[in-house]
Structure formats: structure tokens, C-alpha cells
Amino acid sequence: MRKRSPAKMRWKQVRLYPPARRAYRSVLELPRIDDRWMIRDATTRELEIVNIRTHHFFRFSTASVRGHEPDTKTDGILRLKIQVVLTERDLFVYPIASSH
């Protein structure tokens, strides 16, 4: 796994690990879809990504990124310290418990 300069990742298509969870009406969990996300904005402190299929987007700290891995389907996989949950209209983010 490697750390990559966030500014060089702008406009790249990535997948998230763990993949975003999906919920219907915020209660019923739906099967996960391994969506592509585009990095719309990137600074040394923050990333803004948008889901290409659903158009959900959010901004988060680069401290929430564990690393970046190569991928054969996209420009890479972002390994996150957060879990993204998509609903029909909203997007929620929860920290992932540390495995220490």
C-alpha cells in the first residue's frame, strides 16, 4: 500500500474499501455495490469524492485515508478509516473501530 499525493489524485476514478453500504429508508440494508467514485477535489488536508452512479458526494479529511492501492478496474482503491452509508437521498459517514 502506498501514500499518494492527494493533489495528484484529482479527477481519478477509484473504488472504496470498505465498499459503501446501502440502506433503504435508513433502516433496511441493501446489498453492497462496488461503485466507482471520482475524486472531484483534493488538497493536502481534504478530499471530495462523488459516486459516479448515484451522484452522492462528500468531503472528508485525508487523515481518514489509510492508503491507496493499485487496481485493475480503476485508478486505484482508497482504503478508508471510515464507513460510507448511502441512502436514497443522504450519505452518512461512520468511523471504523480500530483493530488494535
C-alpha atoms as a PDB file:
ATOM      1  CA  MET A   1       0.000   0.000   0.000  1.00  0.00           C
ATOM      2  CA  ARG A   2       1.281   3.463  -0.762  1.00  0.00           C
ATOM      3  CA  LYS A   3       0.504   7.014   0.202  1.00  0.00           C
ATOM      4  CA  ARG A   4      -0.042   9.211  -2.803  1.00  0.00           C
ATOM      5  CA  SER A   5      -0.052  12.991  -3.009  1.00  0.00           C
ATOM      6  CA  PRO A   6      -3.765  13.923  -2.827  1.00  0.00           C
ATOM      7  CA  ALA A   7      -3.378  16.739  -5.349  1.00  0.00           C
ATOM      8  CA  LYS A   8      -2.188  14.214  -7.968  1.00  0.00           C
ATOM      9  CA  MET A   9      -5.348  12.156  -7.451  1.00  0.00           C
ATOM     10  CA  ARG A  10      -7.760  14.856  -8.644  1.00  0.00           C
ATOM     11  CA  TRP A  11     -10.176  13.574 -11.332  1.00  0.00           C
ATOM     12  CA  LYS A  12      -9.061   9.967 -10.786  1.00  0.00           C
ATOM     13  CA  GLN A  13     -11.663   7.209 -10.552  1.00  0.00           C
ATOM     14  CA  VAL A  14     -11.298   4.998  -7.501  1.00  0.00           C
ATOM     15  CA  ARG A  15     -13.121   2.302  -5.595  1.00  0.00           C
ATOM     16  CA  LEU A  16     -13.546   2.436  -1.819  1.00  0.00           C
ATOM     17  CA  TYR A  17     -12.530  -0.161   0.720  1.00  0.00           C
ATOM     18  CA  PRO A  18     -14.607  -0.928   2.574  1.00  0.00           C
ATOM     19  CA  PRO A  19     -17.271  -0.505  -0.137  1.00  0.00           C
ATOM     20  CA  ALA A  20     -20.122   1.853   0.702  1.00  0.00           C
ATOM     21  CA  ARG A  21     -23.054   0.275   2.487  1.00  0.00           C
ATOM     22  CA  ARG A  22     -26.556   0.976   1.179  1.00  0.00           C
ATOM     23  CA  ALA A  23     -29.762   1.412   3.140  1.00  0.00           C
ATOM     24  CA  TYR A  24     -33.385   1.884   2.117  1.00  0.00           C
ATOM     25  CA  ARG A  25     -35.230   4.470   4.204  1.00  0.00           C
ATOM     26  CA  SER A  26     -32.282   4.342   6.582  1.00  0.00           C
ATOM     27  CA  VAL A  27     -33.385   1.007   8.076  1.00  0.00           C
ATOM     28  CA  LEU A  28     -33.267  -1.833   5.550  1.00  0.00           C
ATOM     29  CA  GLU A  29     -29.759  -2.781   4.482  1.00  0.00           C
ATOM     30  CA  LEU A  30     -29.385  -3.425   0.742  1.00  0.00           C
ATOM     31  CA  PRO A  31     -26.637  -5.438  -0.970  1.00  0.00           C
ATOM     32  CA  ARG A  32     -23.411  -3.511  -1.432  1.00  0.00           C
ATOM     33  CA  ILE A  33     -22.382  -2.319  -4.889  1.00  0.00           C
ATOM     34  CA  ASP A  34     -18.694  -1.787  -5.570  1.00  0.00           C
ATOM     35  CA  ASP A  35     -19.201   1.654  -7.118  1.00  0.00           C
ATOM     36  CA  ARG A  36     -16.672   3.895  -8.795  1.00  0.00           C
ATOM     37  CA  TRP A  37     -16.045   7.252  -7.179  1.00  0.00           C
ATOM     38  CA  MET A  38     -14.346  10.276  -8.750  1.00  0.00           C
ATOM     39  CA  ILE A  39     -12.036  12.475  -6.748  1.00  0.00           C
ATOM     40  CA  ARG A  40     -13.529  15.866  -7.568  1.00  0.00           C
ATOM     41  CA  ASP A  41     -11.281  17.983  -5.362  1.00  0.00           C
ATOM     42  CA  ALA A  42      -8.098  17.253  -3.473  1.00  0.00           C
ATOM     43  CA  THR A  43      -5.871  19.216  -1.133  1.00  0.00           C
ATOM     44  CA  THR A  44      -3.244  18.083   1.352  1.00  0.00           C
ATOM     45  CA  ARG A  45      -5.949  18.129   4.055  1.00  0.00           C
ATOM     46  CA  GLU A  46      -9.202  17.113   2.344  1.00  0.00           C
ATOM     47  CA  LEU A  47     -10.672  15.061  -0.474  1.00  0.00           C
ATOM     48  CA  GLU A  48     -14.067  15.477  -2.086  1.00  0.00           C
ATOM     49  CA  ILE A  49     -15.382  12.440  -3.906  1.00  0.00           C
ATOM     50  CA  VAL A  50     -18.536  11.819  -5.914  1.00  0.00           C
ATOM     51  CA  ASN A  51     -20.238   8.493  -6.619  1.00  0.00           C
ATOM     52  CA  ILE A  52     -20.407   8.203 -10.406  1.00  0.00           C
ATOM     53  CA  ARG A  53     -23.590   6.081 -10.366  1.00  0.00           C
ATOM     54  CA  THR A  54     -25.669   7.851  -7.687  1.00  0.00           C
ATOM     55  CA  HIS A  55     -24.077  11.338  -7.636  1.00  0.00           C
ATOM     56  CA  HIS A  56     -23.771  11.269  -3.822  1.00  0.00           C
ATOM     57  CA  PHE A  57     -20.734  13.302  -2.777  1.00  0.00           C
ATOM     58  CA  PHE A  58     -18.885  14.218   0.391  1.00  0.00           C
ATOM     59  CA  ARG A  59     -15.753  15.915   1.659  1.00  0.00           C
ATOM     60  CA  PHE A  60     -13.525  14.269   4.251  1.00  0.00           C
ATOM     61  CA  SER A  61     -10.114  14.612   5.853  1.00  0.00           C
ATOM     62  CA  THR A  62      -7.094  12.917   4.301  1.00  0.00           C
ATOM     63  CA  ALA A  63      -6.463  11.583   7.831  1.00  0.00           C
ATOM     64  CA  SER A  64      -9.408   9.236   7.118  1.00  0.00           C
ATOM     65  CA  VAL A  65      -7.427   7.527   4.349  1.00  0.00           C
ATOM     66  CA  ARG A  66      -5.303   4.504   5.316  1.00  0.00           C
ATOM     67  CA  GLY A  67      -3.688   4.346   1.896  1.00  0.00           C
ATOM     68  CA  HIS A  68      -4.061   3.835  -1.827  1.00  0.00           C
ATOM     69  CA  GLU A  69      -3.644   0.521  -3.660  1.00  0.00           C
ATOM     70  CA  PRO A  70      -3.349  -0.237  -7.358  1.00  0.00           C
ATOM     71  CA  ASP A  71      -6.440  -1.638  -9.070  1.00  0.00           C
ATOM     72  CA  THR A  72      -7.048  -3.194 -12.485  1.00  0.00           C
ATOM     73  CA  LYS A  73     -10.575  -1.731 -12.872  1.00  0.00           C
ATOM     74  CA  THR A  74      -9.943   1.901 -11.815  1.00  0.00           C
ATOM     75  CA  ASP A  75      -7.130   4.303 -10.968  1.00  0.00           C
ATOM     76  CA  GLY A  76      -6.875   2.667  -7.550  1.00  0.00           C
ATOM     77  CA  ILE A  77      -8.557   1.650  -4.327  1.00  0.00           C
ATOM     78  CA  LEU A  78      -8.817   4.111  -1.452  1.00  0.00           C
ATOM     79  CA  ARG A  79      -8.523   2.245   1.851  1.00  0.00           C
ATOM     80  CA  LEU A  80     -10.529   4.244   4.365  1.00  0.00           C
ATOM     81  CA  LYS A  81     -10.767   4.521   8.151  1.00  0.00           C
ATOM     82  CA  ILE A  82     -14.443   5.407   7.714  1.00  0.00           C
ATOM     83  CA  GLN A  83     -17.561   3.560   6.542  1.00  0.00           C
ATOM     84  CA  VAL A  84     -19.758   5.316   3.977  1.00  0.00           C
ATOM     85  CA  VAL A  85     -23.500   4.585   4.042  1.00  0.00           C
ATOM     86  CA  LEU A  86     -25.740   5.662   1.148  1.00  0.00           C
ATOM     87  CA  THR A  87     -29.499   6.104   1.374  1.00  0.00           C
ATOM     88  CA  GLU A  88     -31.907   7.347  -1.296  1.00  0.00           C
ATOM     89  CA  ARG A  89     -31.008  10.992  -0.623  1.00  0.00           C
ATOM     90  CA  ASP A  90     -28.332  11.090   2.041  1.00  0.00           C
ATOM     91  CA  LEU A  91     -24.827   9.949   2.758  1.00  0.00           C
ATOM     92  CA  PHE A  92     -23.596   9.139   6.254  1.00  0.00           C
ATOM     93  CA  VAL A  93     -20.037   8.513   7.416  1.00  0.00           C
ATOM     94  CA  TYR A  94     -19.057   6.490  10.492  1.00  0.00           C
ATOM     95  CA  PRO A  95     -15.601   5.789  11.917  1.00  0.00           C
ATOM     96  CA  ILE A  96     -14.424   2.196  11.688  1.00  0.00           C
ATOM     97  CA  ALA A  97     -13.310   0.721  15.007  1.00  0.00           C
ATOM     98  CA  SER A  98      -9.546   0.307  15.214  1.00  0.00           C
ATOM     99  CA  SER A  99      -8.266  -3.267  15.134  1.00  0.00           C
ATOM    100  CA  HIS A 100      -5.562  -2.638  17.790  1.00  0.00           C
END
